[in-house]
Amino acid sequence: MVFHEEDLVEHIGGNPFDLHDYYANPRNYRSVFEKYIPHLSMLINCIYWDKRYPRLVTKEYLKNLFSKGRPKLTVIGDISCDVEGSVECTLKPATIGRPNLYV
């Protein structure tokens, strides 16, 4: 499944999603991606992200998810590798010598 920007966030004021407004005013949006996570077994993140944008997955959400038992989500891959970025649990990049990181 491929998610698009309008799947990831909602306007805080309740306005309809507008891609140009989201790029220009990301502070007016909040993530709603976590509602999909219980249905995913794998998440491969490949998006551009910077600190102006809401995170897709927070450490707090994952801590809560895993505190309830073993979730369906078993793999998170962050191709974009924004350390503590859109997938906040990305803590360091993989290397050629250590391509698999388990945190």
C-alpha atoms as a PDB file:
ATOM      1  CA  MET A   1       0.000   0.000   0.000  1.00  0.00           C
ATOM      2  CA  VAL A   2       1.264   3.452  -0.847  1.00  0.00           C
ATOM      3  CA  PHE A   3       0.164   6.362   1.303  1.00  0.00           C
ATOM      4  CA  HIS A   4      -0.017   9.922   0.002  1.00  0.00           C
ATOM      5  CA  GLU A   5       0.213  13.186   1.899  1.00  0.00           C
ATOM      6  CA  GLU A   6      -3.558  13.411   2.336  1.00  0.00           C
ATOM      7  CA  ASP A   7      -3.458   9.995   4.068  1.00  0.00           C
ATOM      8  CA  LEU A   8      -0.766  11.091   6.511  1.00  0.00           C
ATOM      9  CA  VAL A   9      -2.094  14.330   7.985  1.00  0.00           C
ATOM     10  CA  GLU A  10      -5.175  16.401   8.635  1.00  0.00           C
ATOM     11  CA  HIS A  11      -5.659  20.136   8.934  1.00  0.00           C
ATOM     12  CA  ILE A  12      -5.825  21.181  12.588  1.00  0.00           C
ATOM     13  CA  GLY A  13      -8.663  23.619  11.873  1.00  0.00           C
ATOM     14  CA  GLY A  14     -10.757  20.975  10.130  1.00  0.00           C
ATOM     15  CA  ASN A  15     -10.302  22.438   6.661  1.00  0.00           C
ATOM     16  CA  PRO A  16     -10.054  20.000   3.768  1.00  0.00           C
ATOM     17  CA  PHE A  17      -6.561  18.790   2.927  1.00  0.00           C
ATOM     18  CA  ASP A  18      -4.739  21.010   0.444  1.00  0.00           C
ATOM     19  CA  LEU A  19      -1.328  19.817  -0.742  1.00  0.00           C
ATOM     20  CA  HIS A  20       0.008  23.291  -1.538  1.00  0.00           C
ATOM     21  CA  ASP A  21      -1.123  24.594   1.851  1.00  0.00           C
ATOM     22  CA  TYR A  22       0.446  21.585   3.580  1.00  0.00           C
ATOM     23  CA  TYR A  23       3.820  22.285   1.960  1.00  0.00           C
ATOM     24  CA  ALA A  24       3.564  26.012   2.698  1.00  0.00           C
ATOM     25  CA  ASN A  25       2.109  25.713   6.223  1.00  0.00           C
ATOM     26  CA  PRO A  26       2.935  22.330   7.723  1.00  0.00           C
ATOM     27  CA  ARG A  27       2.451  23.708  11.248  1.00  0.00           C
ATOM     28  CA  ASN A  28      -1.303  23.770  10.503  1.00  0.00           C
ATOM     29  CA  TYR A  29      -1.403  19.967  10.135  1.00  0.00           C
ATOM     30  CA  ARG A  30      -1.137  17.005  12.481  1.00  0.00           C
ATOM     31  CA  SER A  31      -0.288  13.410  11.763  1.00  0.00           C
ATOM     32  CA  VAL A  32      -3.093  10.866  11.503  1.00  0.00           C
ATOM     33  CA  PHE A  33      -0.879   8.075  10.203  1.00  0.00           C
ATOM     34  CA  GLU A  34      -0.863   6.182  13.487  1.00  0.00           C
ATOM     35  CA  LYS A  35      -4.438   5.059  12.828  1.00  0.00           C
ATOM     36  CA  TYR A  36      -3.067   2.813  10.061  1.00  0.00           C
ATOM     37  CA  ILE A  37      -0.249   1.234  12.063  1.00  0.00           C
ATOM     38  CA  PRO A  38      -2.308  -1.485  13.822  1.00  0.00           C
ATOM     39  CA  HIS A  39      -3.183  -2.821  10.354  1.00  0.00           C
ATOM     40  CA  LEU A  40       0.389  -2.904   9.019  1.00  0.00           C
ATOM     41  CA  SER A  41       2.893  -5.716   9.359  1.00  0.00           C
ATOM     42  CA  MET A  42       5.662  -3.711   7.688  1.00  0.00           C
ATOM     43  CA  LEU A  43       6.352   0.001   7.275  1.00  0.00           C
ATOM     44  CA  ILE A  44       8.931   1.182   4.761  1.00  0.00           C
ATOM     45  CA  ASN A  45       9.339   4.929   5.027  1.00  0.00           C
ATOM     46  CA  CYS A  46      10.752   6.773   2.009  1.00  0.00           C
ATOM     47  CA  ILE A  47       9.491  10.334   2.377  1.00  0.00           C
ATOM     48  CA  TYR A  48      11.235  13.672   2.502  1.00  0.00           C
ATOM     49  CA  TRP A  49      10.918  15.115   5.995  1.00  0.00           C
ATOM     50  CA  ASP A  50      12.175  18.055   8.001  1.00  0.00           C
ATOM     51  CA  LYS A  51      11.331  19.310  11.476  1.00  0.00           C
ATOM     52  CA  ARG A  52       8.565  21.635  10.233  1.00  0.00           C
ATOM     53  CA  TYR A  53       6.381  18.618   9.394  1.00  0.00           C
ATOM     54  CA  PRO A  54       4.528  16.322  11.782  1.00  0.00           C
ATOM     55  CA  ARG A  55       6.063  12.932  12.492  1.00  0.00           C
ATOM     56  CA  LEU A  56       4.447   9.799  11.082  1.00  0.00           C
ATOM     57  CA  VAL A  57       5.374   7.566  13.992  1.00  0.00           C
ATOM     58  CA  THR A  58       6.469   8.724  17.424  1.00  0.00           C
ATOM     59  CA  LYS A  59       8.448   6.839  20.046  1.00  0.00           C
ATOM     60  CA  GLU A  60       5.593   7.405  22.481  1.00  0.00           C
ATOM     61  CA  TYR A  61       3.097   5.785  20.111  1.00  0.00           C
ATOM     62  CA  LEU A  62       5.344   2.750  19.603  1.00  0.00           C
ATOM     63  CA  LYS A  63       5.963   2.422  23.336  1.00  0.00           C
ATOM     64  CA  ASN A  64       2.201   2.379  23.908  1.00  0.00           C
ATOM     65  CA  LEU A  65       1.602  -0.028  21.012  1.00  0.00           C
ATOM     66  CA  PHE A  66       4.168  -2.550  22.258  1.00  0.00           C
ATOM     67  CA  SER A  67       3.016  -2.240  25.884  1.00  0.00           C
ATOM     68  CA  LYS A  68      -0.250  -3.916  24.858  1.00  0.00           C
ATOM     69  CA  GLY A  69       1.475  -7.067  23.605  1.00  0.00           C
ATOM     70  CA  ARG A  70       3.014  -8.040  20.315  1.00  0.00           C
ATOM     71  CA  PRO A  71       1.529  -5.910  17.524  1.00  0.00           C
ATOM     72  CA  LYS A  72       1.084  -6.906  13.903  1.00  0.00           C
ATOM     73  CA  LEU A  73       3.854  -4.445  12.964  1.00  0.00           C
ATOM     74  CA  THR A  74       7.126  -6.398  12.934  1.00  0.00           C
ATOM     75  CA  VAL A  75       9.353  -4.401  10.555  1.00  0.00           C
ATOM     76  CA  ILE A  76      10.085  -0.702  10.230  1.00  0.00           C
ATOM     77  CA  GLY A  77      12.475   0.303   7.470  1.00  0.00           C
ATOM     78  CA  ASP A  78      13.382   3.957   7.092  1.00  0.00           C
ATOM     79  CA  ILE A  79      14.980   4.357   3.667  1.00  0.00           C
ATOM     80  CA  SER A  80      15.091   8.146   4.032  1.00  0.00           C
ATOM     81  CA  CYS A  81      16.939   7.641   7.364  1.00  0.00           C
ATOM     82  CA  ASP A  82      16.023  10.955   8.963  1.00  0.00           C
ATOM     83  CA  VAL A  83      17.448  10.295  12.426  1.00  0.00           C
ATOM     84  CA  GLU A  84      14.671  10.895  14.969  1.00  0.00           C
ATOM     85  CA  GLY A  85      12.624  12.310  12.103  1.00  0.00           C
ATOM     86  CA  SER A  86       9.329  11.221  10.582  1.00  0.00           C
ATOM     87  CA  VAL A  87       9.854   7.770  12.077  1.00  0.00           C
ATOM     88  CA  GLU A  88      11.154   8.939  15.433  1.00  0.00           C
ATOM     89  CA  CYS A  89      12.574   5.534  16.413  1.00  0.00           C
ATOM     90  CA  THR A  90      15.187   5.795  13.624  1.00  0.00           C
ATOM     91  CA  LEU A  91      18.185   6.435  15.852  1.00  0.00           C
ATOM     92  CA  LYS A  92      21.153   5.853  13.549  1.00  0.00           C
ATOM     93  CA  PRO A  93      21.863   4.868   9.965  1.00  0.00           C
ATOM     94  CA  ALA A  94      22.860   1.398   8.873  1.00  0.00           C
ATOM     95  CA  THR A  95      26.347   0.964   7.445  1.00  0.00           C
ATOM     96  CA  ILE A  96      27.884  -1.400   4.924  1.00  0.00           C
ATOM     97  CA  GLY A  97      29.520  -3.244   7.800  1.00  0.00           C
ATOM     98  CA  ARG A  98      26.272  -3.378   9.780  1.00  0.00           C
ATOM     99  CA  PRO A  99      23.350  -3.285   7.350  1.00  0.00           C
ATOM    100  CA  ASN A 100      20.779  -4.572   9.871  1.00  0.00           C
ATOM    101  CA  LEU A 101      20.202  -2.553  12.997  1.00  0.00           C
ATOM    102  CA  TYR A 102      18.045  -3.829  15.804  1.00  0.00           C
ATOM    103  CA  VAL A 103      17.163  -1.260  18.413  1.00  0.00           C
END
